[in-house]
Amino acid sequence: MKKDHRTLVQALVATLLPFGAWAGPVNVNTADASTLAQELDGIGPSKAQAIVEYRQKNGPFRTAEDLLKVQGIGERVLEQNRANLRFSGAGSAAAPATAKAPAAPPKPPAKR
């Protein structure tokens, strides 16, 4: 009975293992270097850091092809990850918190 239980557990683990190995979707405009390295295939810590530095210097990525501008990212790595790349926040620039709406013009004095 114990052997059957062990075999069942091993089969279950072997079946579920590939799901844990899949890379998940990652937003390249908001993810830190650690997350990029963990979630993207063929991206190690140095390439992930290069992505973050490029983004900080040049602004958000708009398309997957924009990643080709990063040193060390080639077509092969791009194609390996294309389905998991997300780009929300690309081009949505928030107004500065200190910006105020223009003041309304003063009302003319009331006539009596």
PDB file of N, CA and C in Angstrom:
ATOM      1  N   MET A   1       0.824  -1.192   0.000  1.00  0.00           N
ATOM      2  CA  MET A   1       0.000   0.000   0.000  1.00  0.00           C
ATOM      3  C   MET A   1       0.870   1.258   0.000  1.00  0.00           C
ATOM      4  N   LYS A   2       1.938   1.258   0.818  1.00  0.00           N
ATOM      5  CA  LYS A   2       2.832   2.404   0.874  1.00  0.00           C
ATOM      6  C   LYS A   2       3.478   2.668  -0.480  1.00  0.00           C
ATOM      7  N   LYS A   3       3.834   1.597  -1.176  1.00  0.00           N
ATOM      8  CA  LYS A   3       4.487   1.735  -2.473  1.00  0.00           C
ATOM      9  C   LYS A   3       3.536   2.381  -3.479  1.00  0.00           C
ATOM     10  N   ASP A   4       2.261   1.978  -3.442  1.00  0.00           N
ATOM     11  CA  ASP A   4       1.275   2.563  -4.342  1.00  0.00           C
ATOM     12  C   ASP A   4       1.100   4.052  -4.071  1.00  0.00           C
ATOM     13  N   HIS A   5       1.092   4.409  -2.807  1.00  0.00           N
ATOM     14  CA  HIS A   5       0.951   5.811  -2.418  1.00  0.00           C
ATOM     15  C   HIS A   5       2.146   6.630  -2.932  1.00  0.00           C
ATOM     16  N   ARG A   6       3.344   6.087  -2.755  1.00  0.00           N
ATOM     17  CA  ARG A   6       4.563   6.776  -3.191  1.00  0.00           C
ATOM     18  C   ARG A   6       4.558   6.943  -4.713  1.00  0.00           C
ATOM     19  N   THR A   7       4.154   5.926  -5.425  1.00  0.00           N
ATOM     20  CA  THR A   7       4.097   5.981  -6.890  1.00  0.00           C
ATOM     21  C   THR A   7       3.091   7.032  -7.344  1.00  0.00           C
ATOM     22  N   LEU A   8       1.958   7.097  -6.671  1.00  0.00           N
ATOM     23  CA  LEU A   8       0.938   8.083  -7.002  1.00  0.00           C
ATOM     24  C   LEU A   8       1.461   9.493  -6.780  1.00  0.00           C
ATOM     25  N   VAL A   9       2.129   9.727  -5.669  1.00  0.00           N
ATOM     26  CA  VAL A   9       2.686  11.044  -5.372  1.00  0.00           C
ATOM     27  C   VAL A   9       3.752  11.415  -6.403  1.00  0.00           C
ATOM     28  N   GLN A  10       4.620  10.485  -6.746  1.00  0.00           N
ATOM     29  CA  GLN A  10       5.657  10.756  -7.741  1.00  0.00           C
ATOM     30  C   GLN A  10       5.047  11.106  -9.097  1.00  0.00           C
ATOM     31  N   ALA A  11       3.996  10.392  -9.473  1.00  0.00           N
ATOM     32  CA  ALA A  11       3.327  10.668 -10.743  1.00  0.00           C
ATOM     33  C   ALA A  11       2.689  12.050 -10.728  1.00  0.00           C
ATOM     34  N   LEU A  12       2.092  12.405  -9.610  1.00  0.00           N
ATOM     35  CA  LEU A  12       1.468  13.716  -9.482  1.00  0.00           C
ATOM     36  C   LEU A  12       2.512  14.827  -9.576  1.00  0.00           C
ATOM     37  N   VAL A  13       3.620  14.679  -8.894  1.00  0.00           N
ATOM     38  CA  VAL A  13       4.696  15.669  -8.934  1.00  0.00           C
ATOM     39  C   VAL A  13       5.248  15.794 -10.348  1.00  0.00           C
ATOM     40  N   ALA A  14       5.466  14.676 -11.020  1.00  0.00           N
ATOM     41  CA  ALA A  14       5.991  14.686 -12.393  1.00  0.00           C
ATOM     42  C   ALA A  14       5.020  15.359 -13.355  1.00  0.00           C
ATOM     43  N   THR A  15       3.731  15.201 -13.100  1.00  0.00           N
ATOM     44  CA  THR A  15       2.724  15.821 -13.952  1.00  0.00           C
ATOM     45  C   THR A  15       2.673  17.327 -13.745  1.00  0.00           C
ATOM     46  N   LEU A  16       2.797  17.776 -12.514  1.00  0.00           N
ATOM     47  CA  LEU A  16       2.678  19.198 -12.211  1.00  0.00           C
ATOM     48  C   LEU A  16       3.982  19.972 -12.380  1.00  0.00           C
ATOM     49  N   LEU A  17       5.108  19.287 -12.440  1.00  0.00           N
ATOM     50  CA  LEU A  17       6.400  19.949 -12.537  1.00  0.00           C
ATOM     51  C   LEU A  17       6.507  20.907 -13.723  1.00  0.00           C
ATOM     52  N   PRO A  18       6.060  20.536 -14.916  1.00  0.00           N
ATOM     53  CA  PRO A  18       6.188  21.474 -16.032  1.00  0.00           C
ATOM     54  C   PRO A  18       5.456  22.789 -15.806  1.00  0.00           C
ATOM     55  N   PHE A  19       4.367  22.775 -15.054  1.00  0.00           N
ATOM     56  CA  PHE A  19       3.629  24.013 -14.802  1.00  0.00           C
ATOM     57  C   PHE A  19       4.444  24.983 -13.965  1.00  0.00           C
ATOM     58  N   GLY A  20       5.243  24.485 -13.064  1.00  0.00           N
ATOM     59  CA  GLY A  20       6.088  25.336 -12.244  1.00  0.00           C
ATOM     60  C   GLY A  20       7.282  25.871 -13.005  1.00  0.00           C
ATOM     61  N   ALA A  21       7.660  25.228 -14.090  1.00  0.00           N
ATOM     62  CA  ALA A  21       8.829  25.639 -14.859  1.00  0.00           C
ATOM     63  C   ALA A  21       8.496  26.695 -15.900  1.00  0.00           C
ATOM     64  N   TRP A  22       7.229  26.899 -16.208  1.00  0.00           N
ATOM     65  CA  TRP A  22       6.852  27.880 -17.213  1.00  0.00           C
ATOM     66  C   TRP A  22       7.083  29.290 -16.715  1.00  0.00           C
ATOM     67  N   ALA A  23       7.540  30.126 -17.599  1.00  0.00           N
ATOM     68  CA  ALA A  23       7.703  31.530 -17.259  1.00  0.00           C
ATOM     69  C   ALA A  23       6.329  32.188 -17.292  1.00  0.00           C
ATOM     70  N   GLY A  24       6.116  33.111 -16.407  1.00  0.00           N
ATOM     71  CA  GLY A  24       4.838  33.792 -16.356  1.00  0.00           C
ATOM     72  C   GLY A  24       4.897  35.114 -17.085  1.00  0.00           C
ATOM     73  N   PRO A  25       3.751  35.709 -17.379  1.00  0.00           N
ATOM     74  CA  PRO A  25       3.744  37.018 -18.016  1.00  0.00           C
ATOM     75  C   PRO A  25       4.441  38.042 -17.130  1.00  0.00           C
ATOM     76  N   VAL A  26       5.190  38.931 -17.742  1.00  0.00           N
ATOM     77  CA  VAL A  26       5.903  39.952 -16.986  1.00  0.00           C
ATOM     78  C   VAL A  26       5.808  41.282 -17.724  1.00  0.00           C
ATOM     79  N   ASN A  27       5.509  42.325 -16.980  1.00  0.00           N
ATOM     80  CA  ASN A  27       5.438  43.671 -17.537  1.00  0.00           C
ATOM     81  C   ASN A  27       6.853  44.253 -17.522  1.00  0.00           C
ATOM     82  N   VAL A  28       7.452  44.381 -18.691  1.00  0.00           N
ATOM     83  CA  VAL A  28       8.838  44.852 -18.762  1.00  0.00           C
ATOM     84  C   VAL A  28       8.974  46.330 -18.404  1.00  0.00           C
ATOM     85  N   ASN A  29       7.857  47.038 -18.290  1.00  0.00           N
ATOM     86  CA  ASN A  29       7.905  48.453 -17.916  1.00  0.00           C
ATOM     87  C   ASN A  29       7.803  48.688 -16.418  1.00  0.00           C
ATOM     88  N   THR A  30       7.464  47.649 -15.670  1.00  0.00           N
ATOM     89  CA  THR A  30       7.332  47.827 -14.222  1.00  0.00           C
ATOM     90  C   THR A  30       8.145  46.825 -13.405  1.00  0.00           C
ATOM     91  N   ALA A  31       8.544  45.715 -14.010  1.00  0.00           N
ATOM     92  CA  ALA A  31       9.251  44.665 -13.276  1.00  0.00           C
ATOM     93  C   ALA A  31      10.673  45.087 -12.923  1.00  0.00           C
ATOM     94  N   ASP A  32      11.139  44.638 -11.766  1.00  0.00           N
ATOM     95  CA  ASP A  32      12.532  44.902 -11.391  1.00  0.00           C
ATOM     96  C   ASP A  32      13.424  43.843 -12.040  1.00  0.00           C
ATOM     97  N   ALA A  33      14.731  44.031 -11.938  1.00  0.00           N
ATOM     98  CA  ALA A  33      15.689  43.141 -12.584  1.00  0.00           C
ATOM     99  C   ALA A  33      15.548  41.707 -12.086  1.00  0.00           C
ATOM    100  N   SER A  34      15.311  41.527 -10.809  1.00  0.00           N
ATOM    101  CA  SER A  34      15.169  40.190 -10.240  1.00  0.00           C
ATOM    102  C   SER A  34      13.988  39.452 -10.860  1.00  0.00           C
ATOM    103  N   THR A  35      12.867  40.134 -11.000  1.00  0.00           N
ATOM    104  CA  THR A  35      11.673  39.521 -11.590  1.00  0.00           C
ATOM    105  C   THR A  35      11.896  39.199 -13.059  1.00  0.00           C
ATOM    106  N   LEU A  36      12.523  40.109 -13.787  1.00  0.00           N
ATOM    107  CA  LEU A  36      12.803  39.862 -15.203  1.00  0.00           C
ATOM    108  C   LEU A  36      13.682  38.622 -15.368  1.00  0.00           C
ATOM    109  N   ALA A  37      14.726  38.520 -14.557  1.00  0.00           N
ATOM    110  CA  ALA A  37      15.641  37.386 -14.644  1.00  0.00           C
ATOM    111  C   ALA A  37      14.941  36.079 -14.285  1.00  0.00           C
ATOM    112  N   GLN A  38      14.039  36.134 -13.340  1.00  0.00           N
ATOM    113  CA  GLN A  38      13.344  34.931 -12.878  1.00  0.00           C
ATOM    114  C   GLN A  38      12.286  34.473 -13.872  1.00  0.00           C
ATOM    115  N   GLU A  39      11.579  35.406 -14.483  1.00  0.00           N
ATOM    116  CA  GLU A  39      10.414  35.066 -15.299  1.00  0.00           C
ATOM    117  C   GLU A  39      10.697  34.901 -16.787  1.00  0.00           C
ATOM    118  N   LEU A  40      11.786  35.450 -17.294  1.00  0.00           N
ATOM    119  CA  LEU A  40      12.046  35.397 -18.729  1.00  0.00           C
ATOM    120  C   LEU A  40      13.150  34.404 -19.059  1.00  0.00           C
ATOM    121  N   ASP A  41      12.928  33.607 -20.086  1.00  0.00           N
ATOM    122  CA  ASP A  41      13.905  32.612 -20.532  1.00  0.00           C
ATOM    123  C   ASP A  41      15.074  33.298 -21.225  1.00  0.00           C
ATOM    124  N   GLY A  42      16.288  32.860 -20.906  1.00  0.00           N
ATOM    125  CA  GLY A  42      17.478  33.399 -21.544  1.00  0.00           C
ATOM    126  C   GLY A  42      17.897  34.755 -21.019  1.00  0.00           C
ATOM    127  N   ILE A  43      17.239  35.227 -19.960  1.00  0.00           N
ATOM    128  CA  ILE A  43      17.562  36.509 -19.349  1.00  0.00           C
ATOM    129  C   ILE A  43      18.112  36.241 -17.959  1.00  0.00           C
ATOM    130  N   GLY A  44      19.387  36.517 -17.793  1.00  0.00           N
ATOM    131  CA  GLY A  44      20.010  36.376 -16.489  1.00  0.00           C
ATOM    132  C   GLY A  44      20.057  37.719 -15.788  1.00  0.00           C
ATOM    133  N   PRO A  45      20.702  37.777 -14.644  1.00  0.00           N
ATOM    134  CA  PRO A  45      20.756  39.025 -13.874  1.00  0.00           C
ATOM    135  C   PRO A  45      21.363  40.209 -14.634  1.00  0.00           C
ATOM    136  N   SER A  46      22.405  39.992 -15.415  1.00  0.00           N
ATOM    137  CA  SER A  46      23.039  41.130 -16.102  1.00  0.00           C
ATOM    138  C   SER A  46      22.166  41.654 -17.243  1.00  0.00           C
ATOM    139  N   LYS A  47      21.535  40.770 -18.005  1.00  0.00           N
ATOM    140  CA  LYS A  47      20.634  41.233 -19.073  1.00  0.00           C
ATOM    141  C   LYS A  47      19.392  41.901 -18.478  1.00  0.00           C
ATOM    142  N   ALA A  48      18.918  41.353 -17.384  1.00  0.00           N
ATOM    143  CA  ALA A  48      17.752  41.946 -16.725  1.00  0.00           C
ATOM    144  C   ALA A  48      18.085  43.358 -16.241  1.00  0.00           C
ATOM    145  N   GLN A  49      19.258  43.526 -15.677  1.00  0.00           N
ATOM    146  CA  GLN A  49      19.681  44.849 -15.220  1.00  0.00           C
ATOM    147  C   GLN A  49      19.826  45.801 -16.405  1.00  0.00           C
ATOM    148  N   ALA A  50      20.309  45.297 -17.539  1.00  0.00           N
ATOM    149  CA  ALA A  50      20.433  46.125 -18.742  1.00  0.00           C
ATOM    150  C   ALA A  50      19.057  46.587 -19.221  1.00  0.00           C
ATOM    151  N   ILE A  51      18.051  45.724 -19.113  1.00  0.00           N
ATOM    152  CA  ILE A  51      16.684  46.105 -19.494  1.00  0.00           C
ATOM    153  C   ILE A  51      16.193  47.233 -18.600  1.00  0.00           C
ATOM    154  N   VAL A  52      16.380  47.092 -17.297  1.00  0.00           N
ATOM    155  CA  VAL A  52      15.929  48.114 -16.344  1.00  0.00           C
ATOM    156  C   VAL A  52      16.655  49.437 -16.601  1.00  0.00           C
ATOM    157  N   GLU A  53      17.961  49.393 -16.806  1.00  0.00           N
ATOM    158  CA  GLU A  53      18.725  50.616 -17.046  1.00  0.00           C
ATOM    159  C   GLU A  53      18.314  51.290 -18.350  1.00  0.00           C
ATOM    160  N   TYR A  54      18.074  50.500 -19.398  1.00  0.00           N
ATOM    161  CA  TYR A  54      17.621  51.060 -20.668  1.00  0.00           C
ATOM    162  C   TYR A  54      16.267  51.751 -20.483  1.00  0.00           C
ATOM    163  N   ARG A  55      15.383  51.097 -19.757  1.00  0.00           N
ATOM    164  CA  ARG A  55      14.044  51.652 -19.508  1.00  0.00           C
ATOM    165  C   ARG A  55      14.124  52.954 -18.726  1.00  0.00           C
ATOM    166  N   GLN A  56      15.012  53.003 -17.728  1.00  0.00           N
ATOM    167  CA  GLN A  56      15.161  54.222 -16.933  1.00  0.00           C
ATOM    168  C   GLN A  56      15.718  55.370 -17.769  1.00  0.00           C
ATOM    169  N   LYS A  57      16.626  55.061 -18.669  1.00  0.00           N
ATOM    170  CA  LYS A  57      17.271  56.084 -19.488  1.00  0.00           C
ATOM    171  C   LYS A  57      16.400  56.542 -20.654  1.00  0.00           C
ATOM    172  N   ASN A  58      15.662  55.599 -21.271  1.00  0.00           N
ATOM    173  CA  ASN A  58      14.949  55.889 -22.517  1.00  0.00           C
ATOM    174  C   ASN A  58      13.432  55.878 -22.408  1.00  0.00           C
ATOM    175  N   GLY A  59      12.907  55.567 -21.251  1.00  0.00           N
ATOM    176  CA  GLY A  59      11.457  55.521 -21.092  1.00  0.00           C
ATOM    177  C   GLY A  59      10.919  54.119 -21.331  1.00  0.00           C
ATOM    178  N   PRO A  60       9.605  53.958 -21.209  1.00  0.00           N
ATOM    179  CA  PRO A  60       8.989  52.630 -21.279  1.00  0.00           C
ATOM    180  C   PRO A  60       9.096  52.004 -22.669  1.00  0.00           C
ATOM    181  N   PHE A  61       9.101  50.686 -22.674  1.00  0.00           N
ATOM    182  CA  PHE A  61       9.069  49.929 -23.916  1.00  0.00           C
ATOM    183  C   PHE A  61       7.639  49.941 -24.439  1.00  0.00           C
ATOM    184  N   ARG A  62       7.486  50.089 -25.750  1.00  0.00           N
ATOM    185  CA  ARG A  62       6.150  50.104 -26.344  1.00  0.00           C
ATOM    186  C   ARG A  62       5.821  48.786 -27.032  1.00  0.00           C
ATOM    187  N   THR A  63       6.836  48.130 -27.592  1.00  0.00           N
ATOM    188  CA  THR A  63       6.629  46.871 -28.302  1.00  0.00           C
ATOM    189  C   THR A  63       7.725  45.884 -27.921  1.00  0.00           C
ATOM    190  N   ALA A  64       7.511  44.630 -28.276  1.00  0.00           N
ATOM    191  CA  ALA A  64       8.524  43.605 -28.015  1.00  0.00           C
ATOM    192  C   ALA A  64       9.816  43.925 -28.763  1.00  0.00           C
ATOM    193  N   GLU A  65       9.698  44.462 -29.955  1.00  0.00           N
ATOM    194  CA  GLU A  65      10.873  44.777 -30.762  1.00  0.00           C
ATOM    195  C   GLU A  65      11.750  45.842 -30.101  1.00  0.00           C
ATOM    196  N   ASP A  66      11.174  46.675 -29.251  1.00  0.00           N
ATOM    197  CA  ASP A  66      11.961  47.680 -28.531  1.00  0.00           C
ATOM    198  C   ASP A  66      13.042  47.029 -27.667  1.00  0.00           C
ATOM    199  N   LEU A  67      12.797  45.810 -27.215  1.00  0.00           N
ATOM    200  CA  LEU A  67      13.786  45.118 -26.388  1.00  0.00           C
ATOM    201  C   LEU A  67      15.068  44.804 -27.158  1.00  0.00           C
ATOM    202  N   LEU A  68      14.984  44.760 -28.481  1.00  0.00           N
ATOM    203  CA  LEU A  68      16.167  44.493 -29.298  1.00  0.00           C
ATOM    204  C   LEU A  68      17.181  45.638 -29.204  1.00  0.00           C
ATOM    205  N   LYS A  69      16.763  46.783 -28.726  1.00  0.00           N
ATOM    206  CA  LYS A  69      17.658  47.926 -28.556  1.00  0.00           C
ATOM    207  C   LYS A  69      18.550  47.769 -27.324  1.00  0.00           C
ATOM    208  N   VAL A  70      18.219  46.811 -26.464  1.00  0.00           N
ATOM    209  CA  VAL A  70      18.990  46.570 -25.243  1.00  0.00           C
ATOM    210  C   VAL A  70      20.171  45.667 -25.579  1.00  0.00           C
ATOM    211  N   GLN A  71      21.363  46.081 -25.168  1.00  0.00           N
ATOM    212  CA  GLN A  71      22.574  45.286 -25.400  1.00  0.00           C
ATOM    213  C   GLN A  71      22.404  43.879 -24.836  1.00  0.00           C
ATOM    214  N   GLY A  72      22.627  42.862 -25.668  1.00  0.00           N
ATOM    215  CA  GLY A  72      22.552  41.479 -25.207  1.00  0.00           C
ATOM    216  C   GLY A  72      21.226  40.802 -25.468  1.00  0.00           C
ATOM    217  N   ILE A  73      20.230  41.551 -25.936  1.00  0.00           N
ATOM    218  CA  ILE A  73      18.927  40.954 -26.248  1.00  0.00           C
ATOM    219  C   ILE A  73      18.843  40.801 -27.763  1.00  0.00           C
ATOM    220  N   GLY A  74      18.721  39.554 -28.214  1.00  0.00           N
ATOM    221  CA  GLY A  74      18.636  39.285 -29.643  1.00  0.00           C
ATOM    222  C   GLY A  74      17.301  38.682 -30.026  1.00  0.00           C
ATOM    223  N   GLU A  75      17.169  38.413 -31.307  1.00  0.00           N
ATOM    224  CA  GLU A  75      15.924  37.850 -31.846  1.00  0.00           C
ATOM    225  C   GLU A  75      15.528  36.542 -31.145  1.00  0.00           C
ATOM    226  N   ARG A  76      16.506  35.683 -30.891  1.00  0.00           N
ATOM    227  CA  ARG A  76      16.201  34.380 -30.296  1.00  0.00           C
ATOM    228  C   ARG A  76      15.573  34.547 -28.913  1.00  0.00           C
ATOM    229  N   VAL A  77      16.188  35.373 -28.077  1.00  0.00           N
ATOM    230  CA  VAL A  77      15.657  35.606 -26.724  1.00  0.00           C
ATOM    231  C   VAL A  77      14.290  36.274 -26.811  1.00  0.00           C
ATOM    232  N   LEU A  78      14.145  37.203 -27.735  1.00  0.00           N
ATOM    233  CA  LEU A  78      12.861  37.881 -27.904  1.00  0.00           C
ATOM    234  C   LEU A  78      11.767  36.880 -28.261  1.00  0.00           C
ATOM    235  N   GLU A  79      12.039  36.001 -29.219  1.00  0.00           N
ATOM    236  CA  GLU A  79      11.036  35.020 -29.637  1.00  0.00           C
ATOM    237  C   GLU A  79      10.718  34.012 -28.536  1.00  0.00           C
ATOM    238  N   GLN A  80      11.714  33.663 -27.722  1.00  0.00           N
ATOM    239  CA  GLN A  80      11.476  32.737 -26.608  1.00  0.00           C
ATOM    240  C   GLN A  80      10.483  33.319 -25.604  1.00  0.00           C
ATOM    241  N   ASN A  81      10.444  34.631 -25.502  1.00  0.00           N
ATOM    242  CA  ASN A  81       9.664  35.287 -24.450  1.00  0.00           C
ATOM    243  C   ASN A  81       8.467  36.089 -24.946  1.00  0.00           C
ATOM    244  N   ARG A  82       8.313  36.201 -26.237  1.00  0.00           N
ATOM    245  CA  ARG A  82       7.284  37.093 -26.813  1.00  0.00           C
ATOM    246  C   ARG A  82       5.904  36.905 -26.171  1.00  0.00           C
ATOM    247  N   ALA A  83       5.483  35.683 -25.955  1.00  0.00           N
ATOM    248  CA  ALA A  83       4.138  35.417 -25.412  1.00  0.00           C
ATOM    249  C   ALA A  83       3.991  35.877 -23.961  1.00  0.00           C
ATOM    250  N   ASN A  84       5.092  36.043 -23.254  1.00  0.00           N
ATOM    251  CA  ASN A  84       5.034  36.421 -21.834  1.00  0.00           C
ATOM    252  C   ASN A  84       5.357  37.883 -21.580  1.00  0.00           C
ATOM    253  N   LEU A  85       5.575  38.653 -22.622  1.00  0.00           N
ATOM    254  CA  LEU A  85       5.929  40.066 -22.451  1.00  0.00           C
ATOM    255  C   LEU A  85       4.674  40.924 -22.394  1.00  0.00           C
ATOM    256  N   ARG A  86       4.639  41.813 -21.445  1.00  0.00           N
ATOM    257  CA  ARG A  86       3.546  42.774 -21.301  1.00  0.00           C
ATOM    258  C   ARG A  86       4.142  44.176 -21.291  1.00  0.00           C
ATOM    259  N   PHE A  87       3.383  45.157 -21.802  1.00  0.00           N
ATOM    260  CA  PHE A  87       3.918  46.501 -21.953  1.00  0.00           C
ATOM    261  C   PHE A  87       2.982  47.580 -21.425  1.00  0.00           C
ATOM    262  N   SER A  88       2.110  47.277 -20.497  1.00  0.00           N
ATOM    263  CA  SER A  88       1.215  48.312 -19.980  1.00  0.00           C
ATOM    264  C   SER A  88       2.038  49.409 -19.323  1.00  0.00           C
ATOM    265  N   GLY A  89       1.537  50.614 -19.419  1.00  0.00           N
ATOM    266  CA  GLY A  89       2.278  51.750 -18.881  1.00  0.00           C
ATOM    267  C   GLY A  89       3.186  52.366 -19.924  1.00  0.00           C
ATOM    268  N   ALA A  90       3.204  51.825 -21.131  1.00  0.00           N
ATOM    269  CA  ALA A  90       4.082  52.346 -22.184  1.00  0.00           C
ATOM    270  C   ALA A  90       3.454  53.561 -22.828  1.00  0.00           C
ATOM    271  N   GLY A  91       3.791  54.705 -22.451  1.00  0.00           N
ATOM    272  CA  GLY A  91       3.245  55.887 -23.084  1.00  0.00           C
ATOM    273  C   GLY A  91       2.165  56.558 -22.261  1.00  0.00           C
ATOM    274  N   SER A  92       1.861  56.028 -21.112  1.00  0.00           N
ATOM    275  CA  SER A  92       0.915  56.713 -20.245  1.00  0.00           C
ATOM    276  C   SER A  92       1.728  57.494 -19.228  1.00  0.00           C
ATOM    277  N   ALA A  93       1.923  58.746 -19.525  1.00  0.00           N
ATOM    278  CA  ALA A  93       2.704  59.593 -18.622  1.00  0.00           C
ATOM    279  C   ALA A  93       1.744  60.317 -17.694  1.00  0.00           C
ATOM    280  N   ALA A  94       1.920  60.120 -16.426  1.00  0.00           N
ATOM    281  CA  ALA A  94       1.054  60.765 -15.450  1.00  0.00           C
ATOM    282  C   ALA A  94       1.466  62.224 -15.285  1.00  0.00           C
ATOM    283  N   ALA A  95       0.505  63.060 -15.048  1.00  0.00           N
ATOM    284  CA  ALA A  95       0.798  64.471 -14.811  1.00  0.00           C
ATOM    285  C   ALA A  95       1.495  64.608 -13.472  1.00  0.00           C
ATOM    286  N   PRO A  96       2.401  65.549 -13.356  1.00  0.00           N
ATOM    287  CA  PRO A  96       3.076  65.734 -12.074  1.00  0.00           C
ATOM    288  C   PRO A  96       2.070  66.014 -10.966  1.00  0.00           C
ATOM    289  N   ALA A  97       2.361  65.548  -9.777  1.00  0.00           N
ATOM    290  CA  ALA A  97       1.452  65.716  -8.646  1.00  0.00           C
ATOM    291  C   ALA A  97       1.289  67.184  -8.276  1.00  0.00           C
ATOM    292  N   THR A  98       2.266  68.023  -8.622  1.00  0.00           N
ATOM    293  CA  THR A  98       2.197  69.434  -8.248  1.00  0.00           C
ATOM    294  C   THR A  98       1.433  70.270  -9.263  1.00  0.00           C
ATOM    295  N   ALA A  99       1.075  69.703 -10.412  1.00  0.00           N
ATOM    296  CA  ALA A  99       0.363  70.474 -11.426  1.00  0.00           C
ATOM    297  C   ALA A  99      -1.039  70.796 -10.926  1.00  0.00           C
ATOM    298  N   LYS A 100      -1.458  72.040 -11.127  1.00  0.00           N
ATOM    299  CA  LYS A 100      -2.787  72.469 -10.706  1.00  0.00           C
ATOM    300  C   LYS A 100      -3.572  72.928 -11.916  1.00  0.00           C
ATOM    301  N   ALA A 101      -4.877  72.817 -11.819  1.00  0.00           N
ATOM    302  CA  ALA A 101      -5.741  73.302 -12.888  1.00  0.00           C
ATOM    303  C   ALA A 101      -5.700  74.826 -12.879  1.00  0.00           C
ATOM    304  N   PRO A 102      -5.840  75.447 -14.064  1.00  0.00           N
ATOM    305  CA  PRO A 102      -5.827  76.910 -14.100  1.00  0.00           C
ATOM    306  C   PRO A 102      -6.988  77.481 -13.289  1.00  0.00           C
ATOM    307  N   ALA A 103      -6.737  78.592 -12.657  1.00  0.00           N
ATOM    308  CA  ALA A 103      -7.770  79.244 -11.846  1.00  0.00           C
ATOM    309  C   ALA A 103      -8.823  79.857 -12.759  1.00  0.00           C
ATOM    310  N   ALA A 104     -10.060  79.826 -12.282  1.00  0.00           N
ATOM    311  CA  ALA A 104     -11.148  80.425 -13.044  1.00  0.00           C
ATOM    312  C   ALA A 104     -10.994  81.943 -12.997  1.00  0.00           C
ATOM    313  N   PRO A 105     -11.371  82.641 -14.091  1.00  0.00           N
ATOM    314  CA  PRO A 105     -11.260  84.108 -14.079  1.00  0.00           C
ATOM    315  C   PRO A 105     -12.197  84.700 -13.024  1.00  0.00           C
ATOM    316  N   PRO A 106     -11.819  85.836 -12.466  1.00  0.00           N
ATOM    317  CA  PRO A 106     -12.682  86.433 -11.424  1.00  0.00           C
ATOM    318  C   PRO A 106     -14.015  86.859 -12.008  1.00  0.00           C
ATOM    319  N   LYS A 107     -15.060  86.798 -11.165  1.00  0.00           N
ATOM    320  CA  LYS A 107     -16.403  87.209 -11.604  1.00  0.00           C
ATOM    321  C   LYS A 107     -16.487  88.726 -11.548  1.00  0.00           C
ATOM    322  N   PRO A 108     -17.211  89.291 -12.500  1.00  0.00           N
ATOM    323  CA  PRO A 108     -17.376  90.752 -12.457  1.00  0.00           C
ATOM    324  C   PRO A 108     -18.257  91.123 -11.256  1.00  0.00           C
ATOM    325  N   PRO A 109     -18.081  92.342 -10.761  1.00  0.00           N
ATOM    326  CA  PRO A 109     -18.894  92.763  -9.607  1.00  0.00           C
ATOM    327  C   PRO A 109     -20.384  92.762  -9.957  1.00  0.00           C
ATOM    328  N   ALA A 110     -21.200  92.431  -8.988  1.00  0.00           N
ATOM    329  CA  ALA A 110     -22.660  92.386  -9.195  1.00  0.00           C
ATOM    330  C   ALA A 110     -23.194  93.815  -9.315  1.00  0.00           C
ATOM    331  N   LYS A 111     -24.153  94.001 -10.225  1.00  0.00           N
ATOM    332  CA  LYS A 111     -24.789  95.318 -10.402  1.00  0.00           C
ATOM    333  C   LYS A 111     -25.926  95.447  -9.414  1.00  0.00           C
ATOM    334  N   ARG A 112     -26.099  96.699  -8.931  1.00  0.00           N
ATOM    335  CA  ARG A 112     -27.167  96.955  -7.956  1.00  0.00           C
ATOM    336  C   ARG A 112     -28.304  97.659  -8.566  1.00  0.00           C
TER     337      ARG A 112
END
